[in-house]
Amino acid sequence: LPPDDNQVSVCFLVPPTITIIPTKSFRLEHQSLLVCFVSGFFPSEIQVKWLKNGVEDSSVVFAELLQNGDWTYQVDAILETVPEHGDTYTCEVEHSSLQKPLRVDWEFEISESAKSKQLTGIVGFVLGAIFIMVGLIIYLKNKKGTPRVQIPPSEGLLN
């Protein structure tokens, strides 16, 4: 319908928010999933990309675009990857509400409990190696320093 003088047209833009969610089993050098959860945007047209160390990764799987119930939308972009130490992952979103693409970076970090477990393992290994070396040195010194006395059979205790 062509607009008449009594109609009002409203156009509004709502920018998206980005949350990056690693799967619980996200581990270095193992196949893992990262989810870029993009939510709260209007209109529904949106472009979402995953970058690994600044290079676009084309192995992204997109979930179905969903309405939130408040006129805004949400979508998930899922990246399957094998992370390595030092990798930076970026979820980049282009939307009509944004002047420039919105980018959120994510880097793999070892949790404090995992760091503690690693440190405990390393300390235990080093202490174990030290005790084995000290024991071996003591054994070898005692073996060298002990004179061997041979008792002739005729002078034995059985006579």
C-alpha atoms as a PDB file:
ATOM      1  CA  LEU A   1       0.000   0.000   0.000  1.00  0.00           C
ATOM      2  CA  PRO A   2       1.313   3.429  -0.778  1.00  0.00           C
ATOM      3  CA  PRO A   3       1.763   5.516   2.346  1.00  0.00           C
ATOM      4  CA  ASP A   4      -0.803   8.199   2.973  1.00  0.00           C
ATOM      5  CA  ASP A   5      -0.470  11.218   5.166  1.00  0.00           C
ATOM      6  CA  ASN A   6      -1.973   9.453   8.204  1.00  0.00           C
ATOM      7  CA  GLN A   7       0.421   6.450   8.272  1.00  0.00           C
ATOM      8  CA  VAL A   8       3.613   6.347  10.269  1.00  0.00           C
ATOM      9  CA  SER A   9       6.467   4.059   9.287  1.00  0.00           C
ATOM     10  CA  VAL A  10       8.848   2.938  12.011  1.00  0.00           C
ATOM     11  CA  CYS A  11      12.232   1.433  11.267  1.00  0.00           C
ATOM     12  CA  PHE A  12      14.422   0.416  14.136  1.00  0.00           C
ATOM     13  CA  LEU A  13      17.773  -1.306  14.370  1.00  0.00           C
ATOM     14  CA  VAL A  14      18.933  -3.362  17.335  1.00  0.00           C
ATOM     15  CA  PRO A  15      22.626  -4.326  17.473  1.00  0.00           C
ATOM     16  CA  PRO A  16      23.648  -7.906  18.265  1.00  0.00           C
ATOM     17  CA  THR A  17      25.562  -9.163  21.274  1.00  0.00           C
ATOM     18  CA  ILE A  18      28.191 -11.891  20.922  1.00  0.00           C
ATOM     19  CA  THR A  19      29.039 -14.625  23.410  1.00  0.00           C
ATOM     20  CA  ILE A  20      31.676 -17.256  22.652  1.00  0.00           C
ATOM     21  CA  ILE A  21      31.048 -20.603  24.313  1.00  0.00           C
ATOM     22  CA  PRO A  22      33.619 -23.434  24.181  1.00  0.00           C
ATOM     23  CA  THR A  23      32.300 -26.949  24.604  1.00  0.00           C
ATOM     24  CA  LYS A  24      33.111 -28.594  27.941  1.00  0.00           C
ATOM     25  CA  SER A  25      35.533 -30.986  26.273  1.00  0.00           C
ATOM     26  CA  PHE A  26      37.537 -28.177  24.615  1.00  0.00           C
ATOM     27  CA  ARG A  27      41.166 -29.368  24.736  1.00  0.00           C
ATOM     28  CA  LEU A  28      44.402 -28.437  23.028  1.00  0.00           C
ATOM     29  CA  GLU A  29      45.301 -30.539  19.997  1.00  0.00           C
ATOM     30  CA  HIS A  30      41.937 -32.388  20.043  1.00  0.00           C
ATOM     31  CA  GLN A  31      38.889 -31.896  17.825  1.00  0.00           C
ATOM     32  CA  SER A  32      36.739 -29.339  19.657  1.00  0.00           C
ATOM     33  CA  LEU A  33      33.763 -27.032  19.121  1.00  0.00           C
ATOM     34  CA  LEU A  34      33.460 -23.281  19.659  1.00  0.00           C
ATOM     35  CA  VAL A  35      30.016 -21.680  19.519  1.00  0.00           C
ATOM     36  CA  CYS A  36      29.528 -18.018  18.624  1.00  0.00           C
ATOM     37  CA  PHE A  37      26.120 -17.154  20.097  1.00  0.00           C
ATOM     38  CA  VAL A  38      24.794 -13.986  18.421  1.00  0.00           C
ATOM     39  CA  SER A  39      21.612 -12.626  19.968  1.00  0.00           C
ATOM     40  CA  GLY A  40      19.264  -9.690  20.375  1.00  0.00           C
ATOM     41  CA  PHE A  41      19.503  -8.194  16.871  1.00  0.00           C
ATOM     42  CA  PHE A  42      16.940  -6.708  14.481  1.00  0.00           C
ATOM     43  CA  PRO A  43      16.404  -6.939  11.533  1.00  0.00           C
ATOM     44  CA  SER A  44      17.145 -10.615  10.928  1.00  0.00           C
ATOM     45  CA  GLU A  45      19.692 -10.197   8.108  1.00  0.00           C
ATOM     46  CA  ILE A  46      23.148 -10.840   9.562  1.00  0.00           C
ATOM     47  CA  GLN A  47      26.566 -12.183   8.563  1.00  0.00           C
ATOM     48  CA  VAL A  48      28.638 -14.190  11.055  1.00  0.00           C
ATOM     49  CA  LYS A  49      32.221 -15.358  10.420  1.00  0.00           C
ATOM     50  CA  TRP A  50      34.796 -17.286  12.416  1.00  0.00           C
ATOM     51  CA  LEU A  51      38.446 -16.272  12.082  1.00  0.00           C
ATOM     52  CA  LYS A  52      41.364 -18.360  13.326  1.00  0.00           C
ATOM     53  CA  ASN A  53      44.477 -16.230  13.819  1.00  0.00           C
ATOM     54  CA  GLY A  54      42.950 -13.585  11.523  1.00  0.00           C
ATOM     55  CA  VAL A  55      42.096 -15.975   8.662  1.00  0.00           C
ATOM     56  CA  GLU A  56      38.468 -16.807   7.868  1.00  0.00           C
ATOM     57  CA  ASP A  57      37.557 -20.430   8.551  1.00  0.00           C
ATOM     58  CA  SER A  58      34.969 -21.782   6.126  1.00  0.00           C
ATOM     59  CA  SER A  59      34.120 -24.919   8.128  1.00  0.00           C
ATOM     60  CA  VAL A  60      31.433 -23.073  10.097  1.00  0.00           C
ATOM     61  CA  VAL A  61      28.018 -24.642  10.666  1.00  0.00           C
ATOM     62  CA  PHE A  62      25.073 -22.316  11.302  1.00  0.00           C
ATOM     63  CA  ALA A  63      22.117 -23.178  13.477  1.00  0.00           C
ATOM     64  CA  GLU A  64      18.645 -22.084  12.430  1.00  0.00           C
ATOM     65  CA  LEU A  65      17.851 -18.385  12.847  1.00  0.00           C
ATOM     66  CA  LEU A  66      15.439 -18.097  15.786  1.00  0.00           C
ATOM     67  CA  GLN A  67      13.103 -15.361  17.017  1.00  0.00           C
ATOM     68  CA  ASN A  68      13.557 -14.406  20.667  1.00  0.00           C
ATOM     69  CA  GLY A  69       9.920 -13.407  21.189  1.00  0.00           C
ATOM     70  CA  ASP A  70      10.733  -9.703  21.604  1.00  0.00           C
ATOM     71  CA  TRP A  71      11.088  -9.010  17.848  1.00  0.00           C
ATOM     72  CA  THR A  72      14.814  -9.724  17.977  1.00  0.00           C
ATOM     73  CA  TYR A  73      16.663 -12.741  16.624  1.00  0.00           C
ATOM     74  CA  GLN A  74      19.458 -15.114  17.546  1.00  0.00           C
ATOM     75  CA  VAL A  75      21.757 -17.485  15.666  1.00  0.00           C
ATOM     76  CA  ASP A  76      24.659 -19.811  16.520  1.00  0.00           C
ATOM     77  CA  ALA A  77      27.786 -20.177  14.391  1.00  0.00           C
ATOM     78  CA  ILE A  78      29.591 -23.389  15.327  1.00  0.00           C
ATOM     79  CA  LEU A  79      33.274 -23.903  14.520  1.00  0.00           C
ATOM     80  CA  GLU A  80      34.847 -27.350  14.631  1.00  0.00           C
ATOM     81  CA  THR A  81      38.591 -26.961  15.121  1.00  0.00           C
ATOM     82  CA  VAL A  82      41.777 -28.498  16.499  1.00  0.00           C
ATOM     83  CA  PRO A  83      43.152 -25.731  18.740  1.00  0.00           C
ATOM     84  CA  GLU A  84      46.854 -25.253  19.320  1.00  0.00           C
ATOM     85  CA  HIS A  85      48.616 -23.199  21.989  1.00  0.00           C
ATOM     86  CA  GLY A  86      48.587 -19.506  21.053  1.00  0.00           C
ATOM     87  CA  ASP A  87      45.653 -19.669  18.617  1.00  0.00           C
ATOM     88  CA  THR A  88      43.229 -16.739  18.676  1.00  0.00           C
ATOM     89  CA  TYR A  89      39.663 -17.262  17.510  1.00  0.00           C
ATOM     90  CA  THR A  90      37.480 -14.320  16.486  1.00  0.00           C
ATOM     91  CA  CYS A  91      33.748 -14.245  15.930  1.00  0.00           C
ATOM     92  CA  GLU A  92      32.967 -11.392  13.534  1.00  0.00           C
ATOM     93  CA  VAL A  93      29.441 -10.095  12.949  1.00  0.00           C
ATOM     94  CA  GLU A  94      28.196  -7.672  10.289  1.00  0.00           C
ATOM     95  CA  HIS A  95      24.730  -6.187  10.781  1.00  0.00           C
ATOM     96  CA  SER A  96      22.874  -3.107   9.535  1.00  0.00           C
ATOM     97  CA  SER A  97      22.788  -1.708  13.094  1.00  0.00           C
ATOM     98  CA  LEU A  98      26.591  -1.595  13.271  1.00  0.00           C
ATOM     99  CA  GLN A  99      28.914   1.067  11.824  1.00  0.00           C
ATOM    100  CA  LYS A 100      31.692  -1.524  11.524  1.00  0.00           C
ATOM    101  CA  PRO A 101      31.864  -5.285  12.128  1.00  0.00           C
ATOM    102  CA  LEU A 102      31.607  -6.376  15.753  1.00  0.00           C
ATOM    103  CA  ARG A 103      34.460  -8.688  16.763  1.00  0.00           C
ATOM    104  CA  VAL A 104      34.980 -10.772  19.890  1.00  0.00           C
ATOM    105  CA  ASP A 105      38.267 -12.636  20.411  1.00  0.00           C
ATOM    106  CA  TRP A 106      38.715 -15.858  22.335  1.00  0.00           C
ATOM    107  CA  GLU A 107      41.924 -17.630  23.359  1.00  0.00           C
ATOM    108  CA  PHE A 108      42.317 -21.015  24.978  1.00  0.00           C
ATOM    109  CA  GLU A 109      43.398 -20.667  28.606  1.00  0.00           C
ATOM    110  CA  ILE A 110      44.278 -23.476  30.945  1.00  0.00           C
ATOM    111  CA  SER A 111      42.117 -23.327  34.076  1.00  0.00           C
ATOM    112  CA  GLU A 112      43.726 -22.806  37.476  1.00  0.00           C
ATOM    113  CA  SER A 113      42.821 -26.342  38.577  1.00  0.00           C
ATOM    114  CA  ALA A 114      44.402 -27.784  35.417  1.00  0.00           C
ATOM    115  CA  LYS A 115      47.535 -25.678  36.001  1.00  0.00           C
ATOM    116  CA  SER A 116      47.647 -26.913  39.600  1.00  0.00           C
ATOM    117  CA  LYS A 117      47.324 -30.539  38.476  1.00  0.00           C
ATOM    118  CA  GLN A 118      50.092 -30.060  35.914  1.00  0.00           C
ATOM    119  CA  LEU A 119      52.376 -28.469  38.504  1.00  0.00           C
ATOM    120  CA  THR A 120      51.677 -31.269  40.994  1.00  0.00           C
ATOM    121  CA  GLY A 121      52.494 -33.870  38.347  1.00  0.00           C
ATOM    122  CA  ILE A 122      55.742 -32.156  37.376  1.00  0.00           C
ATOM    123  CA  VAL A 123      56.872 -31.737  41.001  1.00  0.00           C
ATOM    124  CA  GLY A 124      56.004 -35.373  41.763  1.00  0.00           C
ATOM    125  CA  PHE A 125      57.944 -36.581  38.737  1.00  0.00           C
ATOM    126  CA  VAL A 126      61.030 -34.489  39.610  1.00  0.00           C
ATOM    127  CA  LEU A 127      61.007 -35.614  43.266  1.00  0.00           C
ATOM    128  CA  GLY A 128      60.579 -39.245  42.221  1.00  0.00           C
ATOM    129  CA  ALA A 129      63.512 -38.974  39.812  1.00  0.00           C
ATOM    130  CA  ILE A 130      65.690 -37.384  42.539  1.00  0.00           C
ATOM    131  CA  PHE A 131      64.867 -40.147  45.053  1.00  0.00           C
ATOM    132  CA  ILE A 132      65.632 -42.842  42.495  1.00  0.00           C
ATOM    133  CA  MET A 133      68.980 -41.218  41.631  1.00  0.00           C
ATOM    134  CA  VAL A 134      69.960 -40.804  45.315  1.00  0.00           C
ATOM    135  CA  GLY A 135      68.998 -44.414  46.051  1.00  0.00           C
ATOM    136  CA  LEU A 136      70.995 -45.649  43.064  1.00  0.00           C
ATOM    137  CA  ILE A 137      74.063 -43.626  44.114  1.00  0.00           C
ATOM    138  CA  ILE A 138      73.892 -44.978  47.690  1.00  0.00           C
ATOM    139  CA  TYR A 139      73.477 -48.527  46.414  1.00  0.00           C
ATOM    140  CA  LEU A 140      76.441 -48.236  44.039  1.00  0.00           C
ATOM    141  CA  LYS A 141      78.693 -46.665  46.723  1.00  0.00           C
ATOM    142  CA  ASN A 142      77.855 -49.428  49.204  1.00  0.00           C
ATOM    143  CA  LYS A 143      78.459 -52.061  46.573  1.00  0.00           C
ATOM    144  CA  LYS A 144      81.958 -50.691  45.766  1.00  0.00           C
ATOM    145  CA  GLY A 145      83.068 -49.906  49.327  1.00  0.00           C
ATOM    146  CA  THR A 146      82.135 -53.202  51.013  1.00  0.00           C
ATOM    147  CA  PRO A 147      85.130 -55.589  51.235  1.00  0.00           C
ATOM    148  CA  ARG A 148      84.264 -59.136  50.463  1.00  0.00           C
ATOM    149  CA  VAL A 149      85.594 -61.677  52.915  1.00  0.00           C
ATOM    150  CA  GLN A 150      85.545 -65.262  51.835  1.00  0.00           C
ATOM    151  CA  ILE A 151      85.402 -67.866  54.578  1.00  0.00           C
ATOM    152  CA  PRO A 152      86.915 -71.222  53.704  1.00  0.00           C
ATOM    153  CA  PRO A 153      84.365 -74.052  53.984  1.00  0.00           C
ATOM    154  CA  SER A 154      86.363 -75.880  56.648  1.00  0.00           C
ATOM    155  CA  GLU A 155      86.159 -72.915  59.038  1.00  0.00           C
ATOM    156  CA  GLY A 156      82.441 -72.509  58.663  1.00  0.00           C
ATOM    157  CA  LEU A 157      79.898 -72.648  61.467  1.00  0.00           C
ATOM    158  CA  LEU A 158      78.756 -76.162  60.668  1.00  0.00           C
ATOM    159  CA  ASN A 159      81.821 -77.888  62.138  1.00  0.00           C
END
